[in-house]
Amino acid sequence: MEETEEDRRPKRKKKKRAIEEHHKNQGFFSAEHGIMNSGVLGGVAVMVGAVVWFVVGLLADRIFFYPPILFVIGIVAVIRGIAR
């Protein structure tokens, strides 16, 4: 039994609608939101990564503004992880 194009069309719309809903729920700061919900180990990993990124930037005579922000987000993740 072969599917007609009408049979396939609702599946595509349903999948596209689910993807659009996912993106609408995530928003612009979805990565930061995910980091804050990562727990203690995730927060520590983000803080270590932020320090490495900042130090490597300083060694290359560059100052990046995002690593300090990322470090603070890591602190929030650690505190939230401990609170849970």
PDB file of N, CA and C in Angstrom:
ATOM      1  N   MET A   1       0.844  -1.174   0.000  1.00  0.00           N
ATOM      2  CA  MET A   1       0.000   0.000   0.000  1.00  0.00           C
ATOM      3  C   MET A   1       0.894   1.243   0.000  1.00  0.00           C
ATOM      4  N   GLU A   2       0.693   2.083  -0.958  1.00  0.00           N
ATOM      5  CA  GLU A   2       1.530   3.265  -1.107  1.00  0.00           C
ATOM      6  C   GLU A   2       0.795   4.494  -0.569  1.00  0.00           C
ATOM      7  N   GLU A   3       1.533   5.330   0.154  1.00  0.00           N
ATOM      8  CA  GLU A   3       0.934   6.545   0.702  1.00  0.00           C
ATOM      9  C   GLU A   3       0.786   7.588  -0.394  1.00  0.00           C
ATOM     10  N   THR A   4      -0.306   8.286  -0.341  1.00  0.00           N
ATOM     11  CA  THR A   4      -0.479   9.399  -1.276  1.00  0.00           C
ATOM     12  C   THR A   4       0.144  10.640  -0.659  1.00  0.00           C
ATOM     13  N   GLU A   5       0.223  11.682  -1.444  1.00  0.00           N
ATOM     14  CA  GLU A   5       0.837  12.916  -0.937  1.00  0.00           C
ATOM     15  C   GLU A   5       0.004  13.526   0.182  1.00  0.00           C
ATOM     16  N   GLU A   6      -1.306  13.337   0.123  1.00  0.00           N
ATOM     17  CA  GLU A   6      -2.167  13.863   1.184  1.00  0.00           C
ATOM     18  C   GLU A   6      -1.908  13.160   2.508  1.00  0.00           C
ATOM     19  N   ASP A   7      -1.557  11.869   2.465  1.00  0.00           N
ATOM     20  CA  ASP A   7      -1.264  11.137   3.691  1.00  0.00           C
ATOM     21  C   ASP A   7       0.026  11.630   4.336  1.00  0.00           C
ATOM     22  N   ARG A   8       0.982  12.015   3.512  1.00  0.00           N
ATOM     23  CA  ARG A   8       2.269  12.469   4.044  1.00  0.00           C
ATOM     24  C   ARG A   8       2.211  13.906   4.535  1.00  0.00           C
ATOM     25  N   ARG A   9       1.390  14.712   3.959  1.00  0.00           N
ATOM     26  CA  ARG A   9       1.360  16.135   4.278  1.00  0.00           C
ATOM     27  C   ARG A   9       1.076  16.416   5.753  1.00  0.00           C
ATOM     28  N   PRO A  10       0.093  15.811   6.391  1.00  0.00           N
ATOM     29  CA  PRO A  10      -0.147  16.114   7.812  1.00  0.00           C
ATOM     30  C   PRO A  10       1.042  15.755   8.705  1.00  0.00           C
ATOM     31  N   LYS A  11       1.769  14.709   8.369  1.00  0.00           N
ATOM     32  CA  LYS A  11       2.930  14.338   9.170  1.00  0.00           C
ATOM     33  C   LYS A  11       3.983  15.439   9.124  1.00  0.00           C
ATOM     34  N   ARG A  12       4.211  15.972   7.944  1.00  0.00           N
ATOM     35  CA  ARG A  12       5.205  17.043   7.821  1.00  0.00           C
ATOM     36  C   ARG A  12       4.767  18.287   8.582  1.00  0.00           C
ATOM     37  N   LYS A  13       3.504  18.632   8.470  1.00  0.00           N
ATOM     38  CA  LYS A  13       3.021  19.809   9.184  1.00  0.00           C
ATOM     39  C   LYS A  13       3.125  19.608  10.691  1.00  0.00           C
ATOM     40  N   LYS A  14       2.800  18.398  11.140  1.00  0.00           N
ATOM     41  CA  LYS A  14       2.864  18.115  12.569  1.00  0.00           C
ATOM     42  C   LYS A  14       4.293  18.217  13.069  1.00  0.00           C
ATOM     43  N   LYS A  15       5.245  17.680  12.305  1.00  0.00           N
ATOM     44  CA  LYS A  15       6.648  17.753  12.704  1.00  0.00           C
ATOM     45  C   LYS A  15       7.132  19.196  12.685  1.00  0.00           C
ATOM     46  N   LYS A  16       6.771  19.947  11.653  1.00  0.00           N
ATOM     47  CA  LYS A  16       7.188  21.343  11.559  1.00  0.00           C
ATOM     48  C   LYS A  16       6.591  22.147  12.704  1.00  0.00           C
ATOM     49  N   ARG A  17       5.334  21.870  13.032  1.00  0.00           N
ATOM     50  CA  ARG A  17       4.689  22.585  14.133  1.00  0.00           C
ATOM     51  C   ARG A  17       5.370  22.274  15.457  1.00  0.00           C
ATOM     52  N   ALA A  18       5.778  21.025  15.656  1.00  0.00           N
ATOM     53  CA  ALA A  18       6.475  20.645  16.888  1.00  0.00           C
ATOM     54  C   ALA A  18       7.823  21.338  16.980  1.00  0.00           C
ATOM     55  N   ILE A  19       8.532  21.442  15.870  1.00  0.00           N
ATOM     56  CA  ILE A  19       9.829  22.133  15.859  1.00  0.00           C
ATOM     57  C   ILE A  19       9.641  23.615  16.155  1.00  0.00           C
ATOM     58  N   GLU A  20       8.620  24.221  15.549  1.00  0.00           N
ATOM     59  CA  GLU A  20       8.366  25.640  15.802  1.00  0.00           C
ATOM     60  C   GLU A  20       7.998  25.879  17.264  1.00  0.00           C
ATOM     61  N   GLU A  21       7.211  24.998  17.853  1.00  0.00           N
ATOM     62  CA  GLU A  21       6.859  25.117  19.272  1.00  0.00           C
ATOM     63  C   GLU A  21       8.100  25.004  20.153  1.00  0.00           C
ATOM     64  N   HIS A  22       8.991  24.081  19.798  1.00  0.00           N
ATOM     65  CA  HIS A  22      10.217  23.901  20.570  1.00  0.00           C
ATOM     66  C   HIS A  22      11.061  25.174  20.526  1.00  0.00           C
ATOM     67  N   HIS A  23      11.206  25.768  19.337  1.00  0.00           N
ATOM     68  CA  HIS A  23      12.006  26.984  19.218  1.00  0.00           C
ATOM     69  C   HIS A  23      11.331  28.155  19.926  1.00  0.00           C
ATOM     70  N   LYS A  24      10.017  28.217  19.866  1.00  0.00           N
ATOM     71  CA  LYS A  24       9.317  29.311  20.533  1.00  0.00           C
ATOM     72  C   LYS A  24       9.480  29.206  22.047  1.00  0.00           C
ATOM     73  N   ASN A  25       9.456  27.993  22.568  1.00  0.00           N
ATOM     74  CA  ASN A  25       9.608  27.803  24.013  1.00  0.00           C
ATOM     75  C   ASN A  25      11.034  28.064  24.474  1.00  0.00           C
ATOM     76  N   GLN A  26      12.013  27.801  23.623  1.00  0.00           N
ATOM     77  CA  GLN A  26      13.412  27.958  24.022  1.00  0.00           C
ATOM     78  C   GLN A  26      13.816  29.423  24.050  1.00  0.00           C
ATOM     79  N   GLY A  27      13.509  30.180  23.035  1.00  0.00           N
ATOM     80  CA  GLY A  27      13.825  31.591  23.013  1.00  0.00           C
ATOM     81  C   GLY A  27      15.284  31.863  22.673  1.00  0.00           C
ATOM     82  N   PHE A  28      15.666  33.115  22.822  1.00  0.00           N
ATOM     83  CA  PHE A  28      16.991  33.574  22.430  1.00  0.00           C
ATOM     84  C   PHE A  28      18.078  33.071  23.379  1.00  0.00           C
ATOM     85  N   PHE A  29      17.767  32.940  24.646  1.00  0.00           N
ATOM     86  CA  PHE A  29      18.749  32.536  25.653  1.00  0.00           C
ATOM     87  C   PHE A  29      18.623  31.061  26.015  1.00  0.00           C
ATOM     88  N   SER A  30      18.335  30.228  25.040  1.00  0.00           N
ATOM     89  CA  SER A  30      18.117  28.812  25.328  1.00  0.00           C
ATOM     90  C   SER A  30      19.393  28.130  25.821  1.00  0.00           C
ATOM     91  N   ALA A  31      20.553  28.511  25.291  1.00  0.00           N
ATOM     92  CA  ALA A  31      21.809  27.893  25.731  1.00  0.00           C
ATOM     93  C   ALA A  31      22.089  28.244  27.191  1.00  0.00           C
ATOM     94  N   GLU A  32      21.890  29.493  27.542  1.00  0.00           N
ATOM     95  CA  GLU A  32      22.124  29.911  28.917  1.00  0.00           C
ATOM     96  C   GLU A  32      21.128  29.245  29.865  1.00  0.00           C
ATOM     97  N   HIS A  33      19.906  29.094  29.403  1.00  0.00           N
ATOM     98  CA  HIS A  33      18.894  28.424  30.222  1.00  0.00           C
ATOM     99  C   HIS A  33      19.277  26.967  30.447  1.00  0.00           C
ATOM    100  N   GLY A  34      19.789  26.328  29.423  1.00  0.00           N
ATOM    101  CA  GLY A  34      20.236  24.944  29.553  1.00  0.00           C
ATOM    102  C   GLY A  34      21.410  24.803  30.503  1.00  0.00           C
ATOM    103  N   ILE A  35      22.315  25.760  30.462  1.00  0.00           N
ATOM    104  CA  ILE A  35      23.476  25.731  31.365  1.00  0.00           C
ATOM    105  C   ILE A  35      23.018  25.879  32.812  1.00  0.00           C
ATOM    106  N   MET A  36      22.086  26.792  33.058  1.00  0.00           N
ATOM    107  CA  MET A  36      21.632  27.007  34.430  1.00  0.00           C
ATOM    108  C   MET A  36      20.915  25.787  34.994  1.00  0.00           C
ATOM    109  N   ASN A  37      20.365  24.944  34.132  1.00  0.00           N
ATOM    110  CA  ASN A  37      19.681  23.737  34.592  1.00  0.00           C
ATOM    111  C   ASN A  37      20.578  22.511  34.545  1.00  0.00           C
ATOM    112  N   SER A  38      21.878  22.682  34.313  1.00  0.00           N
ATOM    113  CA  SER A  38      22.774  21.541  34.133  1.00  0.00           C
ATOM    114  C   SER A  38      23.257  20.925  35.445  1.00  0.00           C
ATOM    115  N   GLY A  39      23.085  21.598  36.556  1.00  0.00           N
ATOM    116  CA  GLY A  39      23.492  21.039  37.842  1.00  0.00           C
ATOM    117  C   GLY A  39      24.890  21.469  38.245  1.00  0.00           C
ATOM    118  N   VAL A  40      25.396  20.844  39.297  1.00  0.00           N
ATOM    119  CA  VAL A  40      26.678  21.235  39.879  1.00  0.00           C
ATOM    120  C   VAL A  40      27.829  20.936  38.924  1.00  0.00           C
ATOM    121  N   LEU A  41      27.892  19.715  38.401  1.00  0.00           N
ATOM    122  CA  LEU A  41      29.013  19.367  37.522  1.00  0.00           C
ATOM    123  C   LEU A  41      28.994  20.174  36.235  1.00  0.00           C
ATOM    124  N   GLY A  42      27.826  20.410  35.696  1.00  0.00           N
ATOM    125  CA  GLY A  42      27.724  21.241  34.499  1.00  0.00           C
ATOM    126  C   GLY A  42      28.164  22.666  34.771  1.00  0.00           C
ATOM    127  N   GLY A  43      27.772  23.195  35.920  1.00  0.00           N
ATOM    128  CA  GLY A  43      28.173  24.559  36.291  1.00  0.00           C
ATOM    129  C   GLY A  43      29.676  24.683  36.476  1.00  0.00           C
ATOM    130  N   VAL A  44      30.284  23.683  37.111  1.00  0.00           N
ATOM    131  CA  VAL A  44      31.743  23.699  37.301  1.00  0.00           C
ATOM    132  C   VAL A  44      32.445  23.608  35.945  1.00  0.00           C
ATOM    133  N   ALA A  45      31.932  22.762  35.061  1.00  0.00           N
ATOM    134  CA  ALA A  45      32.538  22.627  33.728  1.00  0.00           C
ATOM    135  C   ALA A  45      32.445  23.937  32.951  1.00  0.00           C
ATOM    136  N   VAL A  46      31.313  24.618  33.068  1.00  0.00           N
ATOM    137  CA  VAL A  46      31.146  25.903  32.379  1.00  0.00           C
ATOM    138  C   VAL A  46      32.104  26.946  32.963  1.00  0.00           C
ATOM    139  N   MET A  47      32.272  26.952  34.275  1.00  0.00           N
ATOM    140  CA  MET A  47      33.187  27.916  34.888  1.00  0.00           C
ATOM    141  C   MET A  47      34.629  27.654  34.456  1.00  0.00           C
ATOM    142  N   VAL A  48      35.031  26.383  34.415  1.00  0.00           N
ATOM    143  CA  VAL A  48      36.396  26.058  33.967  1.00  0.00           C
ATOM    144  C   VAL A  48      36.580  26.467  32.505  1.00  0.00           C
ATOM    145  N   GLY A  49      35.593  26.179  31.685  1.00  0.00           N
ATOM    146  CA  GLY A  49      35.677  26.574  30.280  1.00  0.00           C
ATOM    147  C   GLY A  49      35.756  28.082  30.109  1.00  0.00           C
ATOM    148  N   ALA A  50      35.008  28.815  30.923  1.00  0.00           N
ATOM    149  CA  ALA A  50      35.033  30.272  30.848  1.00  0.00           C
ATOM    150  C   ALA A  50      36.400  30.818  31.243  1.00  0.00           C
ATOM    151  N   VAL A  51      37.008  30.247  32.292  1.00  0.00           N
ATOM    152  CA  VAL A  51      38.334  30.697  32.724  1.00  0.00           C
ATOM    153  C   VAL A  51      39.370  30.414  31.641  1.00  0.00           C
ATOM    154  N   VAL A  52      39.315  29.217  31.065  1.00  0.00           N
ATOM    155  CA  VAL A  52      40.266  28.863  29.999  1.00  0.00           C
ATOM    156  C   VAL A  52      40.098  29.806  28.811  1.00  0.00           C
ATOM    157  N   TRP A  53      38.860  30.047  28.406  1.00  0.00           N
ATOM    158  CA  TRP A  53      38.584  30.941  27.278  1.00  0.00           C
ATOM    159  C   TRP A  53      39.127  32.343  27.560  1.00  0.00           C
ATOM    160  N   PHE A  54      38.907  32.848  28.775  1.00  0.00           N
ATOM    161  CA  PHE A  54      39.362  34.191  29.120  1.00  0.00           C
ATOM    162  C   PHE A  54      40.887  34.275  29.141  1.00  0.00           C
ATOM    163  N   VAL A  55      41.550  33.278  29.725  1.00  0.00           N
ATOM    164  CA  VAL A  55      43.014  33.286  29.821  1.00  0.00           C
ATOM    165  C   VAL A  55      43.644  33.160  28.436  1.00  0.00           C
ATOM    166  N   VAL A  56      43.102  32.272  27.602  1.00  0.00           N
ATOM    167  CA  VAL A  56      43.636  32.133  26.244  1.00  0.00           C
ATOM    168  C   VAL A  56      43.444  33.438  25.474  1.00  0.00           C
ATOM    169  N   GLY A  57      42.329  34.094  25.675  1.00  0.00           N
ATOM    170  CA  GLY A  57      42.114  35.397  25.040  1.00  0.00           C
ATOM    171  C   GLY A  57      43.114  36.435  25.519  1.00  0.00           C
ATOM    172  N   LEU A  58      43.401  36.438  26.823  1.00  0.00           N
ATOM    173  CA  LEU A  58      44.388  37.387  27.344  1.00  0.00           C
ATOM    174  C   LEU A  58      45.777  37.108  26.785  1.00  0.00           C
ATOM    175  N   LEU A  59      46.116  35.820  26.641  1.00  0.00           N
ATOM    176  CA  LEU A  59      47.421  35.477  26.070  1.00  0.00           C
ATOM    177  C   LEU A  59      47.532  35.899  24.614  1.00  0.00           C
ATOM    178  N   ALA A  60      46.403  35.996  23.943  1.00  0.00           N
ATOM    179  CA  ALA A  60      46.385  36.440  22.542  1.00  0.00           C
ATOM    180  C   ALA A  60      46.108  37.943  22.436  1.00  0.00           C
ATOM    181  N   ASP A  61      46.239  38.652  23.550  1.00  0.00           N
ATOM    182  CA  ASP A  61      45.991  40.104  23.612  1.00  0.00           C
ATOM    183  C   ASP A  61      44.565  40.464  23.199  1.00  0.00           C
ATOM    184  N   ARG A  62      43.622  39.650  23.593  1.00  0.00           N
ATOM    185  CA  ARG A  62      42.208  39.907  23.344  1.00  0.00           C
ATOM    186  C   ARG A  62      41.465  39.805  24.669  1.00  0.00           C
ATOM    187  N   ILE A  63      40.444  40.613  24.826  1.00  0.00           N
ATOM    188  CA  ILE A  63      39.581  40.515  25.994  1.00  0.00           C
ATOM    189  C   ILE A  63      38.180  40.218  25.484  1.00  0.00           C
ATOM    190  N   PHE A  64      37.717  39.019  25.804  1.00  0.00           N
ATOM    191  CA  PHE A  64      36.368  38.624  25.428  1.00  0.00           C
ATOM    192  C   PHE A  64      35.429  38.998  26.565  1.00  0.00           C
ATOM    193  N   PHE A  65      34.245  39.474  26.216  1.00  0.00           N
ATOM    194  CA  PHE A  65      33.297  39.892  27.248  1.00  0.00           C
ATOM    195  C   PHE A  65      32.390  38.757  27.700  1.00  0.00           C
ATOM    196  N   TYR A  66      32.251  37.695  26.922  1.00  0.00           N
ATOM    197  CA  TYR A  66      31.313  36.633  27.280  1.00  0.00           C
ATOM    198  C   TYR A  66      31.812  35.665  28.366  1.00  0.00           C
ATOM    199  N   PRO A  67      33.115  35.370  28.467  1.00  0.00           N
ATOM    200  CA  PRO A  67      33.540  34.445  29.531  1.00  0.00           C
ATOM    201  C   PRO A  67      33.175  34.877  30.952  1.00  0.00           C
ATOM    202  N   PRO A  68      33.282  36.153  31.330  1.00  0.00           N
ATOM    203  CA  PRO A  68      32.824  36.504  32.691  1.00  0.00           C
ATOM    204  C   PRO A  68      31.330  36.277  32.884  1.00  0.00           C
ATOM    205  N   ILE A  69      30.543  36.546  31.843  1.00  0.00           N
ATOM    206  CA  ILE A  69      29.104  36.295  31.918  1.00  0.00           C
ATOM    207  C   ILE A  69      28.860  34.799  32.073  1.00  0.00           C
ATOM    208  N   LEU A  70      29.575  34.007  31.301  1.00  0.00           N
ATOM    209  CA  LEU A  70      29.448  32.563  31.362  1.00  0.00           C
ATOM    210  C   LEU A  70      29.868  32.037  32.734  1.00  0.00           C
ATOM    211  N   PHE A  71      30.884  32.641  33.325  1.00  0.00           N
ATOM    212  CA  PHE A  71      31.329  32.240  34.664  1.00  0.00           C
ATOM    213  C   PHE A  71      30.225  32.475  35.691  1.00  0.00           C
ATOM    214  N   VAL A  72      29.561  33.612  35.609  1.00  0.00           N
ATOM    215  CA  VAL A  72      28.463  33.914  36.538  1.00  0.00           C
ATOM    216  C   VAL A  72      27.307  32.938  36.323  1.00  0.00           C
ATOM    217  N   ILE A  73      27.014  32.605  35.072  1.00  0.00           N
ATOM    218  CA  ILE A  73      25.967  31.620  34.792  1.00  0.00           C
ATOM    219  C   ILE A  73      26.347  30.272  35.394  1.00  0.00           C
ATOM    220  N   GLY A  74      27.636  29.926  35.338  1.00  0.00           N
ATOM    221  CA  GLY A  74      28.112  28.687  35.959  1.00  0.00           C
ATOM    222  C   GLY A  74      27.927  28.700  37.464  1.00  0.00           C
ATOM    223  N   ILE A  75      28.181  29.835  38.089  1.00  0.00           N
ATOM    224  CA  ILE A  75      27.968  29.961  39.535  1.00  0.00           C
ATOM    225  C   ILE A  75      26.494  29.752  39.867  1.00  0.00           C
ATOM    226  N   VAL A  76      25.625  30.352  39.063  1.00  0.00           N
ATOM    227  CA  VAL A  76      24.181  30.178  39.279  1.00  0.00           C
ATOM    228  C   VAL A  76      23.805  28.706  39.132  1.00  0.00           C
ATOM    229  N   ALA A  77      24.386  28.023  38.151  1.00  0.00           N
ATOM    230  CA  ALA A  77      24.088  26.603  37.947  1.00  0.00           C
ATOM    231  C   ALA A  77      24.538  25.770  39.146  1.00  0.00           C
ATOM    232  N   VAL A  78      25.703  26.082  39.684  1.00  0.00           N
ATOM    233  CA  VAL A  78      26.193  25.344  40.853  1.00  0.00           C
ATOM    234  C   VAL A  78      25.279  25.576  42.053  1.00  0.00           C
ATOM    235  N   ILE A  79      24.880  26.801  42.282  1.00  0.00           N
ATOM    236  CA  ILE A  79      24.005  27.107  43.414  1.00  0.00           C
ATOM    237  C   ILE A  79      22.648  26.428  43.242  1.00  0.00           C
ATOM    238  N   ARG A  80      22.100  26.474  42.025  1.00  0.00           N
ATOM    239  CA  ARG A  80      20.815  25.800  41.773  1.00  0.00           C
ATOM    240  C   ARG A  80      20.951  24.300  41.933  1.00  0.00           C
ATOM    241  N   GLY A  81      22.087  23.746  41.503  1.00  0.00           N
ATOM    242  CA  GLY A  81      22.306  22.308  41.643  1.00  0.00           C
ATOM    243  C   GLY A  81      22.401  21.890  43.094  1.00  0.00           C
ATOM    244  N   ILE A  82      23.057  22.697  43.905  1.00  0.00           N
ATOM    245  CA  ILE A  82      23.157  22.391  45.334  1.00  0.00           C
ATOM    246  C   ILE A  82      21.790  22.519  46.010  1.00  0.00           C
ATOM    247  N   ALA A  83      21.022  23.519  45.604  1.00  0.00           N
ATOM    248  CA  ALA A  83      19.704  23.747  46.199  1.00  0.00           C
ATOM    249  C   ALA A  83      18.739  22.606  45.887  1.00  0.00           C
ATOM    250  N   ARG A  84      18.934  21.948  44.762  1.00  0.00           N
ATOM    251  CA  ARG A  84      18.048  20.831  44.421  1.00  0.00           C
ATOM    252  C   ARG A  84      18.464  19.654  45.209  1.00  0.00           C
TER     253      ARG A  84
END
